[in-house]
């Protein structure tokens, strides 16, 4: 989550100059790169969240292991 938050913050920071008159093509390229990094970080968060839905071979809602 911290990585995704940081990457999203970097995206916002890189996108602000693009909203201003006189921005350069480099400003746009940097914002696009930050968008790609933020997208990757959010995808990683989604994968991690989905992992919490997976259960073992036992009854529904019961994960195996010594913690039971």
PDB file of N, CA and C in Angstrom:
ATOM      1  N   UNK A   1       0.827  -1.189   0.000  1.00  0.00           N
ATOM      2  CA  UNK A   1       0.000   0.000   0.000  1.00  0.00           C
ATOM      3  C   UNK A   1       0.868   1.249   0.000  1.00  0.00           C
ATOM      4  N   UNK A   2       1.950   1.215   0.769  1.00  0.00           N
ATOM      5  CA  UNK A   2       2.825   2.389   0.837  1.00  0.00           C
ATOM      6  C   UNK A   2       3.447   2.678  -0.518  1.00  0.00           C
ATOM      7  N   UNK A   3       3.850   1.625  -1.224  1.00  0.00           N
ATOM      8  CA  UNK A   3       4.440   1.821  -2.553  1.00  0.00           C
ATOM      9  C   UNK A   3       3.414   2.412  -3.506  1.00  0.00           C
ATOM     10  N   UNK A   4       2.198   1.887  -3.485  1.00  0.00           N
ATOM     11  CA  UNK A   4       1.152   2.405  -4.369  1.00  0.00           C
ATOM     12  C   UNK A   4       0.849   3.864  -4.048  1.00  0.00           C
ATOM     13  N   UNK A   5       0.795   4.194  -2.762  1.00  0.00           N
ATOM     14  CA  UNK A   5       0.524   5.578  -2.368  1.00  0.00           C
ATOM     15  C   UNK A   5       1.642   6.510  -2.840  1.00  0.00           C
ATOM     16  N   UNK A   6       2.878   6.059  -2.685  1.00  0.00           N
ATOM     17  CA  UNK A   6       4.009   6.883  -3.125  1.00  0.00           C
ATOM     18  C   UNK A   6       3.982   7.080  -4.637  1.00  0.00           C
ATOM     19  N   UNK A   7       3.733   5.996  -5.366  1.00  0.00           N
ATOM     20  CA  UNK A   7       3.700   6.094  -6.832  1.00  0.00           C
ATOM     21  C   UNK A   7       2.552   6.994  -7.294  1.00  0.00           C
ATOM     22  N   UNK A   8       1.414   6.905  -6.622  1.00  0.00           N
ATOM     23  CA  UNK A   8       0.294   7.767  -6.993  1.00  0.00           C
ATOM     24  C   UNK A   8       0.623   9.227  -6.698  1.00  0.00           C
ATOM     25  N   UNK A   9       1.300   9.467  -5.589  1.00  0.00           N
ATOM     26  CA  UNK A   9       1.741  10.829  -5.272  1.00  0.00           C
ATOM     27  C   UNK A   9       2.711  11.353  -6.307  1.00  0.00           C
ATOM     28  N   UNK A  10       3.626  10.489  -6.756  1.00  0.00           N
ATOM     29  CA  UNK A  10       4.568  10.892  -7.816  1.00  0.00           C
ATOM     30  C   UNK A  10       3.825  11.218  -9.105  1.00  0.00           C
ATOM     31  N   UNK A  11       2.787  10.451  -9.394  1.00  0.00           N
ATOM     32  CA  UNK A  11       1.974  10.723 -10.583  1.00  0.00           C
ATOM     33  C   UNK A  11       1.302  12.087 -10.490  1.00  0.00           C
ATOM     34  N   UNK A  12       0.732  12.386  -9.351  1.00  0.00           N
ATOM     35  CA  UNK A  12       0.083  13.690  -9.170  1.00  0.00           C
ATOM     36  C   UNK A  12       1.098  14.812  -9.332  1.00  0.00           C
ATOM     37  N   UNK A  13       2.245  14.657  -8.684  1.00  0.00           N
ATOM     38  CA  UNK A  13       3.282  15.697  -8.774  1.00  0.00           C
ATOM     39  C   UNK A  13       3.761  15.892 -10.211  1.00  0.00           C
ATOM     40  N   UNK A  14       3.896  14.807 -10.959  1.00  0.00           N
ATOM     41  CA  UNK A  14       4.357  14.918 -12.342  1.00  0.00           C
ATOM     42  C   UNK A  14       3.267  15.439 -13.272  1.00  0.00           C
ATOM     43  N   UNK A  15       2.012  15.242 -12.900  1.00  0.00           N
ATOM     44  CA  UNK A  15       0.907  15.673 -13.761  1.00  0.00           C
ATOM     45  C   UNK A  15       0.571  17.153 -13.609  1.00  0.00           C
ATOM     46  N   UNK A  16       0.858  17.719 -12.466  1.00  0.00           N
ATOM     47  CA  UNK A  16       0.510  19.128 -12.249  1.00  0.00           C
ATOM     48  C   UNK A  16       1.143  20.076 -13.279  1.00  0.00           C
ATOM     49  N   UNK A  17       2.420  19.923 -13.609  1.00  0.00           N
ATOM     50  CA  UNK A  17       2.984  20.817 -14.628  1.00  0.00           C
ATOM     51  C   UNK A  17       2.306  20.685 -15.997  1.00  0.00           C
ATOM     52  N   UNK A  18       1.787  19.495 -16.288  1.00  0.00           N
ATOM     53  CA  UNK A  18       1.113  19.284 -17.573  1.00  0.00           C
ATOM     54  C   UNK A  18      -0.170  20.111 -17.654  1.00  0.00           C
ATOM     55  N   UNK A  19      -0.748  20.430 -16.516  1.00  0.00           N
ATOM     56  CA  UNK A  19      -1.979  21.222 -16.477  1.00  0.00           C
ATOM     57  C   UNK A  19      -1.714  22.718 -16.642  1.00  0.00           C
ATOM     58  N   UNK A  20      -0.474  23.101 -16.629  1.00  0.00           N
ATOM     59  CA  UNK A  20      -0.116  24.519 -16.716  1.00  0.00           C
ATOM     60  C   UNK A  20       0.234  24.898 -18.155  1.00  0.00           C
ATOM     61  N   UNK A  21      -0.049  26.142 -18.526  1.00  0.00           N
ATOM     62  CA  UNK A  21       0.368  26.595 -19.853  1.00  0.00           C
ATOM     63  C   UNK A  21       1.891  26.525 -19.973  1.00  0.00           C
ATOM     64  N   UNK A  22       2.355  26.190 -21.146  1.00  0.00           N
ATOM     65  CA  UNK A  22       3.783  26.164 -21.400  1.00  0.00           C
ATOM     66  C   UNK A  22       4.477  24.876 -21.006  1.00  0.00           C
ATOM     67  N   UNK A  23       3.705  23.839 -20.703  1.00  0.00           N
ATOM     68  CA  UNK A  23       4.359  22.571 -20.359  1.00  0.00           C
ATOM     69  C   UNK A  23       5.094  22.014 -21.576  1.00  0.00           C
ATOM     70  N   UNK A  24       6.084  21.212 -21.312  1.00  0.00           N
ATOM     71  CA  UNK A  24       6.897  20.660 -22.397  1.00  0.00           C
ATOM     72  C   UNK A  24       6.496  19.207 -22.676  1.00  0.00           C
ATOM     73  N   UNK A  25       6.904  18.714 -23.827  1.00  0.00           N
ATOM     74  CA  UNK A  25       6.685  17.293 -24.106  1.00  0.00           C
ATOM     75  C   UNK A  25       7.370  16.396 -23.061  1.00  0.00           C
ATOM     76  N   UNK A  26       8.489  16.851 -22.510  1.00  0.00           N
ATOM     77  CA  UNK A  26       9.159  16.084 -21.462  1.00  0.00           C
ATOM     78  C   UNK A  26       8.293  15.991 -20.216  1.00  0.00           C
ATOM     79  N   UNK A  27       7.558  17.055 -19.911  1.00  0.00           N
ATOM     80  CA  UNK A  27       6.636  17.022 -18.771  1.00  0.00           C
ATOM     81  C   UNK A  27       5.581  15.933 -18.970  1.00  0.00           C
ATOM     82  N   UNK A  28       5.072  15.859 -20.184  1.00  0.00           N
ATOM     83  CA  UNK A  28       4.044  14.856 -20.491  1.00  0.00           C
ATOM     84  C   UNK A  28       4.644  13.453 -20.398  1.00  0.00           C
ATOM     85  N   UNK A  29       5.838  13.277 -20.953  1.00  0.00           N
ATOM     86  CA  UNK A  29       6.488  11.966 -20.909  1.00  0.00           C
ATOM     87  C   UNK A  29       6.745  11.518 -19.469  1.00  0.00           C
ATOM     88  N   UNK A  30       7.200  12.437 -18.644  1.00  0.00           N
ATOM     89  CA  UNK A  30       7.447  12.090 -17.240  1.00  0.00           C
ATOM     90  C   UNK A  30       6.147  11.673 -16.556  1.00  0.00           C
ATOM     91  N   UNK A  31       5.069  12.416 -16.814  1.00  0.00           N
ATOM     92  CA  UNK A  31       3.775  12.078 -16.218  1.00  0.00           C
ATOM     93  C   UNK A  31       3.299  10.703 -16.690  1.00  0.00           C
ATOM     94  N   UNK A  32       3.518  10.407 -17.961  1.00  0.00           N
ATOM     95  CA  UNK A  32       3.120   9.097 -18.480  1.00  0.00           C
ATOM     96  C   UNK A  32       3.929   7.969 -17.835  1.00  0.00           C
ATOM     97  N   UNK A  33       5.208   8.195 -17.632  1.00  0.00           N
ATOM     98  CA  UNK A  33       6.037   7.198 -16.959  1.00  0.00           C
ATOM     99  C   UNK A  33       5.561   6.970 -15.523  1.00  0.00           C
ATOM    100  N   UNK A  34       5.236   8.070 -14.848  1.00  0.00           N
ATOM    101  CA  UNK A  34       4.731   7.947 -13.479  1.00  0.00           C
ATOM    102  C   UNK A  34       3.387   7.224 -13.458  1.00  0.00           C
ATOM    103  N   UNK A  35       2.561   7.453 -14.479  1.00  0.00           N
ATOM    104  CA  UNK A  35       1.268   6.765 -14.572  1.00  0.00           C
ATOM    105  C   UNK A  35       1.479   5.262 -14.721  1.00  0.00           C
ATOM    106  N   UNK A  36       2.460   4.873 -15.528  1.00  0.00           N
ATOM    107  CA  UNK A  36       2.763   3.448 -15.693  1.00  0.00           C
ATOM    108  C   UNK A  36       3.214   2.831 -14.369  1.00  0.00           C
ATOM    109  N   UNK A  37       4.063   3.552 -13.639  1.00  0.00           N
ATOM    110  CA  UNK A  37       4.543   3.042 -12.358  1.00  0.00           C
ATOM    111  C   UNK A  37       3.412   2.936 -11.339  1.00  0.00           C
ATOM    112  N   UNK A  38       2.527   3.917 -11.330  1.00  0.00           N
ATOM    113  CA  UNK A  38       1.386   3.882 -10.414  1.00  0.00           C
ATOM    114  C   UNK A  38       0.452   2.725 -10.778  1.00  0.00           C
ATOM    115  N   UNK A  39       0.254   2.533 -12.068  1.00  0.00           N
ATOM    116  CA  UNK A  39      -0.608   1.441 -12.521  1.00  0.00           C
ATOM    117  C   UNK A  39      -0.042   0.087 -12.085  1.00  0.00           C
ATOM    118  N   UNK A  40       1.253  -0.088 -12.210  1.00  0.00           N
ATOM    119  CA  UNK A  40       1.891  -1.332 -11.787  1.00  0.00           C
ATOM    120  C   UNK A  40       1.746  -1.542 -10.278  1.00  0.00           C
ATOM    121  N   UNK A  41       1.911  -0.469  -9.525  1.00  0.00           N
ATOM    122  CA  UNK A  41       1.798  -0.572  -8.067  1.00  0.00           C
ATOM    123  C   UNK A  41       0.372  -0.915  -7.649  1.00  0.00           C
ATOM    124  N   UNK A  42      -0.610  -0.337  -8.314  1.00  0.00           N
ATOM    125  CA  UNK A  42      -2.011  -0.644  -7.991  1.00  0.00           C
ATOM    126  C   UNK A  42      -2.329  -2.095  -8.378  1.00  0.00           C
ATOM    127  N   UNK A  43      -1.783  -2.565  -9.489  1.00  0.00           N
ATOM    128  CA  UNK A  43      -1.992  -3.958  -9.890  1.00  0.00           C
ATOM    129  C   UNK A  43      -1.413  -4.902  -8.839  1.00  0.00           C
ATOM    130  N   UNK A  44      -0.274  -4.552  -8.269  1.00  0.00           N
ATOM    131  CA  UNK A  44       0.323  -5.376  -7.216  1.00  0.00           C
ATOM    132  C   UNK A  44      -0.566  -5.400  -5.976  1.00  0.00           C
ATOM    133  N   UNK A  45      -1.151  -4.264  -5.637  1.00  0.00           N
ATOM    134  CA  UNK A  45      -2.072  -4.209  -4.500  1.00  0.00           C
ATOM    135  C   UNK A  45      -3.281  -5.100  -4.768  1.00  0.00           C
ATOM    136  N   UNK A  46      -3.815  -5.028  -5.981  1.00  0.00           N
ATOM    137  CA  UNK A  46      -4.973  -5.858  -6.323  1.00  0.00           C
ATOM    138  C   UNK A  46      -4.640  -7.338  -6.222  1.00  0.00           C
ATOM    139  N   UNK A  47      -3.465  -7.738  -6.712  1.00  0.00           N
ATOM    140  CA  UNK A  47      -3.074  -9.142  -6.607  1.00  0.00           C
ATOM    141  C   UNK A  47      -2.998  -9.567  -5.143  1.00  0.00           C
ATOM    142  N   UNK A  48      -2.427  -8.698  -4.332  1.00  0.00           N
ATOM    143  CA  UNK A  48      -2.293  -9.025  -2.904  1.00  0.00           C
ATOM    144  C   UNK A  48      -3.659  -9.128  -2.238  1.00  0.00           C
ATOM    145  N   UNK A  49      -4.563  -8.216  -2.558  1.00  0.00           N
ATOM    146  CA  UNK A  49      -5.902  -8.270  -1.976  1.00  0.00           C
ATOM    147  C   UNK A  49      -6.640  -9.538  -2.389  1.00  0.00           C
ATOM    148  N   UNK A  50      -6.525  -9.910  -3.663  1.00  0.00           N
ATOM    149  CA  UNK A  50      -7.175 -11.144  -4.126  1.00  0.00           C
ATOM    150  C   UNK A  50      -6.628 -12.357  -3.391  1.00  0.00           C
ATOM    151  N   UNK A  51      -5.363 -12.312  -2.992  1.00  0.00           N
ATOM    152  CA  UNK A  51      -4.776 -13.466  -2.304  1.00  0.00           C
ATOM    153  C   UNK A  51      -5.475 -13.736  -0.974  1.00  0.00           C
ATOM    154  N   UNK A  52      -6.109 -12.752  -0.405  1.00  0.00           N
ATOM    155  CA  UNK A  52      -6.823 -12.953   0.844  1.00  0.00           C
ATOM    156  C   UNK A  52      -8.129 -13.713   0.653  1.00  0.00           C
ATOM    157  N   UNK A  53      -8.592 -13.842  -0.583  1.00  0.00           N
ATOM    158  CA  UNK A  53      -9.822 -14.585  -0.867  1.00  0.00           C
ATOM    159  C   UNK A  53      -9.557 -16.071  -1.044  1.00  0.00           C
ATOM    160  N   UNK A  54      -8.343 -16.463  -1.333  1.00  0.00           N
ATOM    161  CA  UNK A  54      -8.026 -17.862  -1.595  1.00  0.00           C
ATOM    162  C   UNK A  54      -8.063 -18.662  -0.293  1.00  0.00           C
ATOM    163  N   UNK A  55      -8.671 -19.833  -0.385  1.00  0.00           N
ATOM    164  CA  UNK A  55      -8.722 -20.721   0.779  1.00  0.00           C
ATOM    165  C   UNK A  55      -8.056 -22.034   0.419  1.00  0.00           C
ATOM    166  N   UNK A  56      -7.785 -22.827   1.407  1.00  0.00           N
ATOM    167  CA  UNK A  56      -7.154 -24.131   1.199  1.00  0.00           C
ATOM    168  C   UNK A  56      -8.149 -25.160   0.716  1.00  0.00           C
ATOM    169  N   UNK A  57      -7.783 -26.435   0.842  1.00  0.00           N
ATOM    170  CA  UNK A  57      -8.626 -27.521   0.361  1.00  0.00           C
ATOM    171  C   UNK A  57      -9.707 -27.906   1.355  1.00  0.00           C
ATOM    172  N   UNK A  58      -9.708 -27.300   2.519  1.00  0.00           N
ATOM    173  CA  UNK A  58     -10.687 -27.636   3.554  1.00  0.00           C
ATOM    174  C   UNK A  58     -12.022 -26.958   3.323  1.00  0.00           C
ATOM    175  N   UNK A  59     -12.838 -26.937   4.337  1.00  0.00           N
ATOM    176  CA  UNK A  59     -14.159 -26.286   4.241  1.00  0.00           C
ATOM    177  C   UNK A  59     -14.024 -24.806   3.876  1.00  0.00           C
ATOM    178  N   UNK A  60     -15.056 -24.289   3.257  1.00  0.00           N
ATOM    179  CA  UNK A  60     -15.064 -22.883   2.864  1.00  0.00           C
ATOM    180  C   UNK A  60     -14.839 -22.012   4.091  1.00  0.00           C
ATOM    181  N   UNK A  61     -13.938 -21.064   3.975  1.00  0.00           N
ATOM    182  CA  UNK A  61     -13.675 -20.141   5.067  1.00  0.00           C
ATOM    183  C   UNK A  61     -12.653 -20.645   6.063  1.00  0.00           C
ATOM    184  N   UNK A  62     -12.179 -21.870   5.880  1.00  0.00           N
ATOM    185  CA  UNK A  62     -11.194 -22.426   6.793  1.00  0.00           C
ATOM    186  C   UNK A  62      -9.883 -22.608   6.059  1.00  0.00           C
ATOM    187  N   UNK A  63      -8.901 -21.844   6.405  1.00  0.00           N
ATOM    188  CA  UNK A  63      -7.565 -22.012   5.819  1.00  0.00           C
ATOM    189  C   UNK A  63      -6.792 -22.995   6.674  1.00  0.00           C
ATOM    190  N   UNK A  64      -5.940 -23.755   6.064  1.00  0.00           N
ATOM    191  CA  UNK A  64      -5.151 -24.722   6.808  1.00  0.00           C
ATOM    192  C   UNK A  64      -3.993 -24.049   7.519  1.00  0.00           C
ATOM    193  N   UNK A  65      -3.300 -24.815   8.330  1.00  0.00           N
ATOM    194  CA  UNK A  65      -2.128 -24.277   9.005  1.00  0.00           C
ATOM    195  C   UNK A  65      -2.232 -24.446  10.506  1.00  0.00           C
ATOM    196  N   UNK A  66      -1.154 -24.095  11.189  1.00  0.00           N
ATOM    197  CA  UNK A  66      -1.076 -24.307  12.630  1.00  0.00           C
ATOM    198  C   UNK A  66      -1.766 -23.211  13.438  1.00  0.00           C
ATOM    199  N   UNK A  67      -2.276 -22.190  12.786  1.00  0.00           N
ATOM    200  CA  UNK A  67      -2.897 -21.073  13.506  1.00  0.00           C
ATOM    201  C   UNK A  67      -4.321 -21.375  13.961  1.00  0.00           C
ATOM    202  N   UNK A  68      -4.851 -22.528  13.613  1.00  0.00           N
ATOM    203  CA  UNK A  68      -6.235 -22.844  13.986  1.00  0.00           C
ATOM    204  C   UNK A  68      -6.337 -23.449  15.350  1.00  0.00           C
TER     205      UNK A  68
END
